[in-house]
Amino acid sequence: MPAADNKLKQDVKDRIISETADGSKTLYMPSIDEHYHSVKGALTESMHIFIDCGLRHSAAQSPHILEIGFGTGLNAYLTLLEAEKEKRNISYTAIERYPLEHTTADKLGYCLLPEMDNKKLFDALHLSAWEEQVKMTEHFTLLKRQADFTDTDSWKDIKKYDIVYFDAFSPEKQPEMWSAQIFSQLYQNMNHNGILTTYCAKGCIRRMMQDAGFAVERLPGPPGGKREILRATKTTMTK
């Protein structure tokens, strides 16, 4: 087992809530010195990378979304709210190895943020059963899977995806999550014109995506945050 994974296991119950620059909160894991979101703004980062550059950029009428790391549930919650706002049917699959306790997620206070006041829906995201497809609302269906994403057999046969939120811990802290094999499998599991967005803009990651077959763009990062992010698109029918 990789050293970073051992640290994750040791730290899973000791995650610390910390406030980010935009007033929203995130979690900090001391053993690997890593935050779940950008300290420049958790909400700002998630909205920019995954909603604005991901979901809203997708032309899929009823997109199937895969999230790498359910984490605090912020990305899923923002997506659910967007589904309700736009009346757009979304099927959402999240893969998480170390689920967050609902009591901790509740303390993050995402439901207290402007235009996000729907505690019933946020609670439902965290309290819904794992390994079951749950219809959360008329427009949003959720499947949470507790699995190791590096074991591609745990997710590759679920369905074809239109959007991938690649939100794993950084390559420096969790290098096994950022491999050529994973990006190649993701490419195979995505529909034509499927898109993948991530906060990581490292050249080595961009080249891995390109080698897998993706057309990759460098985009401006979130306001006040990282200078660049990546969006990868599957532009061909088959590799």
C-alpha atoms as a PDB file:
ATOM      1  CA  MET A   1       0.000   0.000   0.000  1.00  0.00           C
ATOM      2  CA  PRO A   2       1.462   3.447  -0.916  1.00  0.00           C
ATOM      3  CA  ALA A   3       2.773   5.554   1.974  1.00  0.00           C
ATOM      4  CA  ALA A   4       0.303   8.346   1.141  1.00  0.00           C
ATOM      5  CA  ASP A   5      -2.576   5.892   1.417  1.00  0.00           C
ATOM      6  CA  ASN A   6      -1.384   4.778   4.860  1.00  0.00           C
ATOM      7  CA  LYS A   7      -1.402   8.426   5.935  1.00  0.00           C
ATOM      8  CA  LEU A   8      -4.923   8.859   4.586  1.00  0.00           C
ATOM      9  CA  LYS A   9      -6.141   5.913   6.633  1.00  0.00           C
ATOM     10  CA  GLN A  10      -4.496   7.267   9.784  1.00  0.00           C
ATOM     11  CA  ASP A  11      -5.861  10.755   9.264  1.00  0.00           C
ATOM     12  CA  VAL A  12      -9.400   9.964   8.178  1.00  0.00           C
ATOM     13  CA  LYS A  13     -10.908  10.611  11.616  1.00  0.00           C
ATOM     14  CA  ASP A  14      -8.750  13.649  12.364  1.00  0.00           C
ATOM     15  CA  ARG A  15      -9.740  15.952   9.534  1.00  0.00           C
ATOM     16  CA  ILE A  16      -9.771  19.600  10.594  1.00  0.00           C
ATOM     17  CA  ILE A  17     -12.340  22.141   9.411  1.00  0.00           C
ATOM     18  CA  SER A  18     -10.760  25.339   8.138  1.00  0.00           C
ATOM     19  CA  GLU A  19     -12.165  28.491   6.557  1.00  0.00           C
ATOM     20  CA  THR A  20     -11.094  29.517   3.057  1.00  0.00           C
ATOM     21  CA  ALA A  21     -10.653  33.004   1.586  1.00  0.00           C
ATOM     22  CA  ASP A  22     -14.194  33.268   0.161  1.00  0.00           C
ATOM     23  CA  GLY A  23     -15.808  32.445   3.513  1.00  0.00           C
ATOM     24  CA  SER A  24     -16.660  28.834   2.675  1.00  0.00           C
ATOM     25  CA  LYS A  25     -15.068  25.978   4.602  1.00  0.00           C
ATOM     26  CA  THR A  26     -12.997  22.965   3.698  1.00  0.00           C
ATOM     27  CA  LEU A  27     -11.191  20.114   5.437  1.00  0.00           C
ATOM     28  CA  TYR A  28      -7.494  19.822   6.173  1.00  0.00           C
ATOM     29  CA  MET A  29      -5.643  16.522   6.575  1.00  0.00           C
ATOM     30  CA  PRO A  30      -2.539  17.129   8.736  1.00  0.00           C
ATOM     31  CA  SER A  31      -0.816  13.821   8.033  1.00  0.00           C
ATOM     32  CA  ILE A  32      -0.452  14.581   4.319  1.00  0.00           C
ATOM     33  CA  ASP A  33      -0.609  18.395   4.623  1.00  0.00           C
ATOM     34  CA  GLU A  34      -3.469  18.610   2.134  1.00  0.00           C
ATOM     35  CA  HIS A  35      -6.783  20.490   1.934  1.00  0.00           C
ATOM     36  CA  TYR A  36      -9.892  19.103   0.245  1.00  0.00           C
ATOM     37  CA  HIS A  37     -10.347  22.409  -1.603  1.00  0.00           C
ATOM     38  CA  SER A  38      -8.336  25.489  -2.408  1.00  0.00           C
ATOM     39  CA  VAL A  39      -7.648  27.720   0.601  1.00  0.00           C
ATOM     40  CA  LYS A  40      -8.283  30.613  -1.817  1.00  0.00           C
ATOM     41  CA  GLY A  41     -11.958  29.645  -1.829  1.00  0.00           C
ATOM     42  CA  ALA A  42     -13.625  26.235  -1.627  1.00  0.00           C
ATOM     43  CA  LEU A  43     -16.948  27.321  -3.127  1.00  0.00           C
ATOM     44  CA  THR A  44     -15.293  29.565  -5.738  1.00  0.00           C
ATOM     45  CA  GLU A  45     -13.043  26.710  -6.870  1.00  0.00           C
ATOM     46  CA  SER A  46     -15.832  24.127  -7.139  1.00  0.00           C
ATOM     47  CA  MET A  47     -18.174  26.479  -8.989  1.00  0.00           C
ATOM     48  CA  HIS A  48     -15.529  27.553 -11.501  1.00  0.00           C
ATOM     49  CA  ILE A  49     -13.879  24.211 -12.276  1.00  0.00           C
ATOM     50  CA  PHE A  50     -16.725  21.743 -12.065  1.00  0.00           C
ATOM     51  CA  ILE A  51     -19.935  23.703 -12.650  1.00  0.00           C
ATOM     52  CA  ASP A  52     -18.904  26.567 -14.975  1.00  0.00           C
ATOM     53  CA  CYS A  53     -16.130  24.795 -16.921  1.00  0.00           C
ATOM     54  CA  GLY A  54     -17.637  21.327 -16.622  1.00  0.00           C
ATOM     55  CA  LEU A  55     -21.407  20.934 -16.265  1.00  0.00           C
ATOM     56  CA  ARG A  56     -22.420  24.183 -17.953  1.00  0.00           C
ATOM     57  CA  HIS A  57     -19.983  23.566 -20.790  1.00  0.00           C
ATOM     58  CA  SER A  58     -21.438  20.143 -21.586  1.00  0.00           C
ATOM     59  CA  ALA A  59     -23.995  19.898 -24.396  1.00  0.00           C
ATOM     60  CA  ALA A  60     -25.368  16.605 -23.046  1.00  0.00           C
ATOM     61  CA  GLN A  61     -29.097  16.975 -22.451  1.00  0.00           C
ATOM     62  CA  SER A  62     -29.226  14.505 -19.560  1.00  0.00           C
ATOM     63  CA  PRO A  63     -25.588  14.130 -18.535  1.00  0.00           C
ATOM     64  CA  HIS A  64     -24.077  11.223 -16.676  1.00  0.00           C
ATOM     65  CA  ILE A  65     -21.428  12.569 -14.298  1.00  0.00           C
ATOM     66  CA  LEU A  66     -18.583  10.724 -12.580  1.00  0.00           C
ATOM     67  CA  GLU A  67     -16.881  12.371  -9.610  1.00  0.00           C
ATOM     68  CA  ILE A  68     -13.501  11.159  -8.437  1.00  0.00           C
ATOM     69  CA  GLY A  69     -13.805  11.608  -4.688  1.00  0.00           C
ATOM     70  CA  PHE A  70     -17.172  12.465  -3.101  1.00  0.00           C
ATOM     71  CA  GLY A  71     -15.319  14.196  -0.244  1.00  0.00           C
ATOM     72  CA  THR A  72     -17.347  16.913   1.474  1.00  0.00           C
ATOM     73  CA  GLY A  73     -20.180  16.523  -1.023  1.00  0.00           C
ATOM     74  CA  LEU A  74     -19.755  20.125  -2.215  1.00  0.00           C
ATOM     75  CA  ASN A  75     -19.413  19.267  -5.925  1.00  0.00           C
ATOM     76  CA  ALA A  76     -22.409  16.945  -5.792  1.00  0.00           C
ATOM     77  CA  TYR A  77     -24.471  19.509  -3.873  1.00  0.00           C
ATOM     78  CA  LEU A  78     -23.712  22.289  -6.357  1.00  0.00           C
ATOM     79  CA  THR A  79     -24.585  19.928  -9.212  1.00  0.00           C
ATOM     80  CA  LEU A  80     -27.866  18.935  -7.574  1.00  0.00           C
ATOM     81  CA  LEU A  81     -28.814  22.603  -7.100  1.00  0.00           C
ATOM     82  CA  GLU A  82     -27.921  23.286 -10.737  1.00  0.00           C
ATOM     83  CA  ALA A  83     -30.062  20.346 -11.872  1.00  0.00           C
ATOM     84  CA  GLU A  84     -33.040  21.742  -9.982  1.00  0.00           C
ATOM     85  CA  LYS A  85     -32.450  25.275 -11.210  1.00  0.00           C
ATOM     86  CA  GLU A  86     -32.126  24.299 -14.875  1.00  0.00           C
ATOM     87  CA  LYS A  87     -34.620  21.379 -14.757  1.00  0.00           C
ATOM     88  CA  ARG A  88     -31.864  19.273 -16.307  1.00  0.00           C
ATOM     89  CA  ASN A  89     -31.843  15.545 -15.545  1.00  0.00           C
ATOM     90  CA  ILE A  90     -28.496  14.424 -14.131  1.00  0.00           C
ATOM     91  CA  SER A  91     -27.271  10.959 -13.186  1.00  0.00           C
ATOM     92  CA  TYR A  92     -24.363  11.322 -10.742  1.00  0.00           C
ATOM     93  CA  THR A  93     -21.864   8.654  -9.691  1.00  0.00           C
ATOM     94  CA  ALA A  94     -19.274   9.368  -6.998  1.00  0.00           C
ATOM     95  CA  ILE A  95     -16.392   7.088  -6.030  1.00  0.00           C
ATOM     96  CA  GLU A  96     -15.030   7.630  -2.517  1.00  0.00           C
ATOM     97  CA  ARG A  97     -12.724   5.355  -0.544  1.00  0.00           C
ATOM     98  CA  TYR A  98     -13.039   7.143   2.794  1.00  0.00           C
ATOM     99  CA  PRO A  99     -16.564   8.562   3.250  1.00  0.00           C
ATOM    100  CA  LEU A 100     -16.981  11.603   5.451  1.00  0.00           C
ATOM    101  CA  GLU A 101     -19.151  11.348   8.545  1.00  0.00           C
ATOM    102  CA  HIS A 102     -22.376  13.305   8.158  1.00  0.00           C
ATOM    103  CA  THR A 103     -21.742  15.140  11.434  1.00  0.00           C
ATOM    104  CA  THR A 104     -18.481  16.540  10.018  1.00  0.00           C
ATOM    105  CA  ALA A 105     -20.053  17.433   6.671  1.00  0.00           C
ATOM    106  CA  ASP A 106     -22.834  19.266   8.514  1.00  0.00           C
ATOM    107  CA  LYS A 107     -20.297  21.452  10.343  1.00  0.00           C
ATOM    108  CA  LEU A 108     -18.969  22.768   7.030  1.00  0.00           C
ATOM    109  CA  GLY A 109     -22.083  24.909   6.775  1.00  0.00           C
ATOM    110  CA  TYR A 110     -22.497  24.813   3.004  1.00  0.00           C
ATOM    111  CA  CYS A 111     -26.245  25.177   3.406  1.00  0.00           C
ATOM    112  CA  LEU A 112     -25.712  28.541   5.111  1.00  0.00           C
ATOM    113  CA  LEU A 113     -24.023  30.048   2.063  1.00  0.00           C
ATOM    114  CA  PRO A 114     -26.023  32.429  -0.193  1.00  0.00           C
ATOM    115  CA  GLU A 115     -28.320  30.628  -2.658  1.00  0.00           C
ATOM    116  CA  MET A 116     -27.391  27.238  -1.170  1.00  0.00           C
ATOM    117  CA  ASP A 117     -29.907  27.111   1.672  1.00  0.00           C
ATOM    118  CA  ASN A 118     -31.377  23.625   1.277  1.00  0.00           C
ATOM    119  CA  LYS A 119     -30.259  21.574   4.249  1.00  0.00           C
ATOM    120  CA  LYS A 120     -32.738  18.825   3.474  1.00  0.00           C
ATOM    121  CA  LEU A 121     -31.059  18.112   0.132  1.00  0.00           C
ATOM    122  CA  PHE A 122     -27.534  18.409   1.524  1.00  0.00           C
ATOM    123  CA  ASP A 123     -28.332  16.003   4.349  1.00  0.00           C
ATOM    124  CA  ALA A 124     -29.938  13.590   1.894  1.00  0.00           C
ATOM    125  CA  LEU A 125     -26.737  13.493  -0.179  1.00  0.00           C
ATOM    126  CA  HIS A 126     -24.714  12.328   2.815  1.00  0.00           C
ATOM    127  CA  LEU A 127     -27.326  10.096   4.405  1.00  0.00           C
ATOM    128  CA  SER A 128     -28.371   8.253   1.242  1.00  0.00           C
ATOM    129  CA  ALA A 129     -27.350   4.604   0.979  1.00  0.00           C
ATOM    130  CA  TRP A 130     -24.063   3.616  -0.596  1.00  0.00           C
ATOM    131  CA  GLU A 131     -23.945   1.201  -3.532  1.00  0.00           C
ATOM    132  CA  GLU A 132     -27.551   2.051  -4.440  1.00  0.00           C
ATOM    133  CA  GLN A 133     -28.901   4.339  -7.129  1.00  0.00           C
ATOM    134  CA  VAL A 134     -31.080   6.852  -5.285  1.00  0.00           C
ATOM    135  CA  LYS A 135     -33.459   9.322  -6.944  1.00  0.00           C
ATOM    136  CA  MET A 136     -32.834  12.411  -4.844  1.00  0.00           C
ATOM    137  CA  THR A 137     -35.167  14.751  -6.746  1.00  0.00           C
ATOM    138  CA  GLU A 138     -37.103  14.739  -9.988  1.00  0.00           C
ATOM    139  CA  HIS A 139     -33.941  15.785 -11.816  1.00  0.00           C
ATOM    140  CA  PHE A 140     -31.054  14.253  -9.844  1.00  0.00           C
ATOM    141  CA  THR A 141     -30.111  10.610  -9.293  1.00  0.00           C
ATOM    142  CA  LEU A 142     -27.141   9.658  -7.116  1.00  0.00           C
ATOM    143  CA  LEU A 143     -24.983   6.536  -6.907  1.00  0.00           C
ATOM    144  CA  LYS A 144     -22.255   6.583  -4.244  1.00  0.00           C
ATOM    145  CA  ARG A 145     -19.677   3.822  -4.400  1.00  0.00           C
ATOM    146  CA  GLN A 146     -17.165   3.162  -1.634  1.00  0.00           C
ATOM    147  CA  ALA A 147     -14.191   1.898  -3.598  1.00  0.00           C
ATOM    148  CA  ASP A 148     -10.559   2.447  -4.484  1.00  0.00           C
ATOM    149  CA  PHE A 149     -10.616   4.367  -7.752  1.00  0.00           C
ATOM    150  CA  THR A 150      -7.199   3.009  -8.734  1.00  0.00           C
ATOM    151  CA  ASP A 151      -8.921  -0.381  -9.052  1.00  0.00           C
ATOM    152  CA  THR A 152     -10.547   0.402 -12.393  1.00  0.00           C
ATOM    153  CA  ASP A 153     -12.664  -2.768 -12.203  1.00  0.00           C
ATOM    154  CA  SER A 154     -14.649  -1.060  -9.421  1.00  0.00           C
ATOM    155  CA  TRP A 155     -16.085   1.577 -11.766  1.00  0.00           C
ATOM    156  CA  LYS A 156     -15.258   1.032 -15.424  1.00  0.00           C
ATOM    157  CA  ASP A 157     -18.380  -0.973 -16.262  1.00  0.00           C
ATOM    158  CA  ILE A 158     -20.944   1.268 -14.541  1.00  0.00           C
ATOM    159  CA  LYS A 159     -21.929   3.392 -17.548  1.00  0.00           C
ATOM    160  CA  LYS A 160     -20.615   5.822 -20.127  1.00  0.00           C
ATOM    161  CA  TYR A 161     -19.992   9.320 -18.767  1.00  0.00           C
ATOM    162  CA  ASP A 162     -20.539  12.752 -20.300  1.00  0.00           C
ATOM    163  CA  ILE A 163     -18.687  14.664 -17.582  1.00  0.00           C
ATOM    164  CA  VAL A 164     -15.906  13.706 -15.181  1.00  0.00           C
ATOM    165  CA  TYR A 165     -15.043  15.803 -12.131  1.00  0.00           C
ATOM    166  CA  PHE A 166     -11.454  14.764 -11.454  1.00  0.00           C
ATOM    167  CA  ASP A 167     -11.023  16.005  -7.896  1.00  0.00           C
ATOM    168  CA  ALA A 168      -8.505  13.621  -6.331  1.00  0.00           C
ATOM    169  CA  PHE A 169      -5.811  14.825  -3.945  1.00  0.00           C
ATOM    170  CA  SER A 170      -2.782  16.321  -5.685  1.00  0.00           C
ATOM    171  CA  PRO A 171      -0.347  14.189  -7.721  1.00  0.00           C
ATOM    172  CA  GLU A 172       2.354  14.903  -5.132  1.00  0.00           C
ATOM    173  CA  LYS A 173       0.216  13.448  -2.320  1.00  0.00           C
ATOM    174  CA  GLN A 174      -1.680  10.730  -4.211  1.00  0.00           C
ATOM    175  CA  PRO A 175       0.341   9.914  -7.362  1.00  0.00           C
ATOM    176  CA  GLU A 176      -1.402   6.579  -7.912  1.00  0.00           C
ATOM    177  CA  MET A 177      -4.628   8.459  -8.752  1.00  0.00           C
ATOM    178  CA  TRP A 178      -2.965  10.325 -11.625  1.00  0.00           C
ATOM    179  CA  SER A 179      -1.764   7.545 -13.891  1.00  0.00           C
ATOM    180  CA  ALA A 180      -1.763   6.984 -17.634  1.00  0.00           C
ATOM    181  CA  GLN A 181      -3.828   3.824 -17.081  1.00  0.00           C
ATOM    182  CA  ILE A 182      -6.580   5.743 -15.274  1.00  0.00           C
ATOM    183  CA  PHE A 183      -6.818   8.479 -17.903  1.00  0.00           C
ATOM    184  CA  SER A 184      -6.881   5.859 -20.657  1.00  0.00           C
ATOM    185  CA  GLN A 185      -9.709   3.987 -18.916  1.00  0.00           C
ATOM    186  CA  LEU A 186     -11.629   7.205 -18.354  1.00  0.00           C
ATOM    187  CA  TYR A 187     -11.314   8.005 -22.056  1.00  0.00           C
ATOM    188  CA  GLN A 188     -12.763   4.606 -22.947  1.00  0.00           C
ATOM    189  CA  ASN A 189     -15.619   5.116 -20.469  1.00  0.00           C
ATOM    190  CA  MET A 190     -16.693   8.495 -21.794  1.00  0.00           C
ATOM    191  CA  ASN A 191     -19.213   9.375 -24.468  1.00  0.00           C
ATOM    192  CA  HIS A 192     -18.274  11.308 -27.583  1.00  0.00           C
ATOM    193  CA  ASN A 193     -17.734  14.983 -26.641  1.00  0.00           C
ATOM    194  CA  GLY A 194     -17.453  13.960 -22.997  1.00  0.00           C
ATOM    195  CA  ILE A 195     -15.434  16.385 -20.895  1.00  0.00           C
ATOM    196  CA  LEU A 196     -13.175  16.058 -17.862  1.00  0.00           C
ATOM    197  CA  THR A 197     -12.197  19.005 -15.683  1.00  0.00           C
ATOM    198  CA  THR A 198      -9.571  19.211 -12.958  1.00  0.00           C
ATOM    199  CA  TYR A 199      -7.771  21.819 -10.899  1.00  0.00           C
ATOM    200  CA  CYS A 200      -4.393  20.294 -11.769  1.00  0.00           C
ATOM    201  CA  ALA A 201      -2.618  21.930 -14.730  1.00  0.00           C
ATOM    202  CA  LYS A 202       0.748  20.170 -14.517  1.00  0.00           C
ATOM    203  CA  GLY A 203       2.393  19.477 -17.863  1.00  0.00           C
ATOM    204  CA  CYS A 204       2.877  15.785 -17.092  1.00  0.00           C
ATOM    205  CA  ILE A 205      -0.849  15.370 -16.357  1.00  0.00           C
ATOM    206  CA  ARG A 206      -1.809  17.232 -19.535  1.00  0.00           C
ATOM    207  CA  ARG A 207       0.464  14.969 -21.574  1.00  0.00           C
ATOM    208  CA  MET A 208      -1.038  11.844 -20.009  1.00  0.00           C
ATOM    209  CA  MET A 209      -4.504  13.036 -20.992  1.00  0.00           C
ATOM    210  CA  GLN A 210      -3.348  13.786 -24.529  1.00  0.00           C
ATOM    211  CA  ASP A 211      -1.688  10.370 -24.804  1.00  0.00           C
ATOM    212  CA  ALA A 212      -5.014   8.800 -23.756  1.00  0.00           C
ATOM    213  CA  GLY A 213      -6.698  10.563 -26.703  1.00  0.00           C
ATOM    214  CA  PHE A 214      -8.163  13.700 -25.124  1.00  0.00           C
ATOM    215  CA  ALA A 215      -7.988  17.170 -26.625  1.00  0.00           C
ATOM    216  CA  VAL A 216      -6.775  19.239 -23.680  1.00  0.00           C
ATOM    217  CA  GLU A 217      -7.247  22.953 -22.999  1.00  0.00           C
ATOM    218  CA  ARG A 218      -5.574  25.152 -20.435  1.00  0.00           C
ATOM    219  CA  LEU A 219      -8.232  27.455 -18.970  1.00  0.00           C
ATOM    220  CA  PRO A 220      -7.973  30.366 -16.531  1.00  0.00           C
ATOM    221  CA  GLY A 221      -8.252  29.212 -12.951  1.00  0.00           C
ATOM    222  CA  PRO A 222     -10.853  30.384 -10.414  1.00  0.00           C
ATOM    223  CA  PRO A 223     -10.798  34.041  -9.326  1.00  0.00           C
ATOM    224  CA  GLY A 224      -8.055  34.550  -6.768  1.00  0.00           C
ATOM    225  CA  GLY A 225      -6.941  30.928  -7.073  1.00  0.00           C
ATOM    226  CA  LYS A 226      -4.778  28.822  -9.368  1.00  0.00           C
ATOM    227  CA  ARG A 227      -3.595  30.505 -12.555  1.00  0.00           C
ATOM    228  CA  GLU A 228      -4.711  27.628 -14.822  1.00  0.00           C
ATOM    229  CA  ILE A 229      -6.860  24.495 -14.809  1.00  0.00           C
ATOM    230  CA  LEU A 230      -7.352  21.749 -17.393  1.00  0.00           C
ATOM    231  CA  ARG A 231     -10.363  20.663 -19.424  1.00  0.00           C
ATOM    232  CA  ALA A 232     -10.032  17.510 -21.521  1.00  0.00           C
ATOM    233  CA  THR A 233     -12.539  16.545 -24.242  1.00  0.00           C
ATOM    234  CA  LYS A 234     -13.115  13.258 -26.014  1.00  0.00           C
ATOM    235  CA  THR A 235     -13.472  14.540 -29.581  1.00  0.00           C
ATOM    236  CA  THR A 236     -13.460  11.224 -31.466  1.00  0.00           C
ATOM    237  CA  MET A 237     -15.982   8.401 -31.453  1.00  0.00           C
ATOM    238  CA  THR A 238     -13.313   5.772 -30.753  1.00  0.00           C
ATOM    239  CA  LYS A 239      -9.715   6.012 -29.756  1.00  0.00           C
END
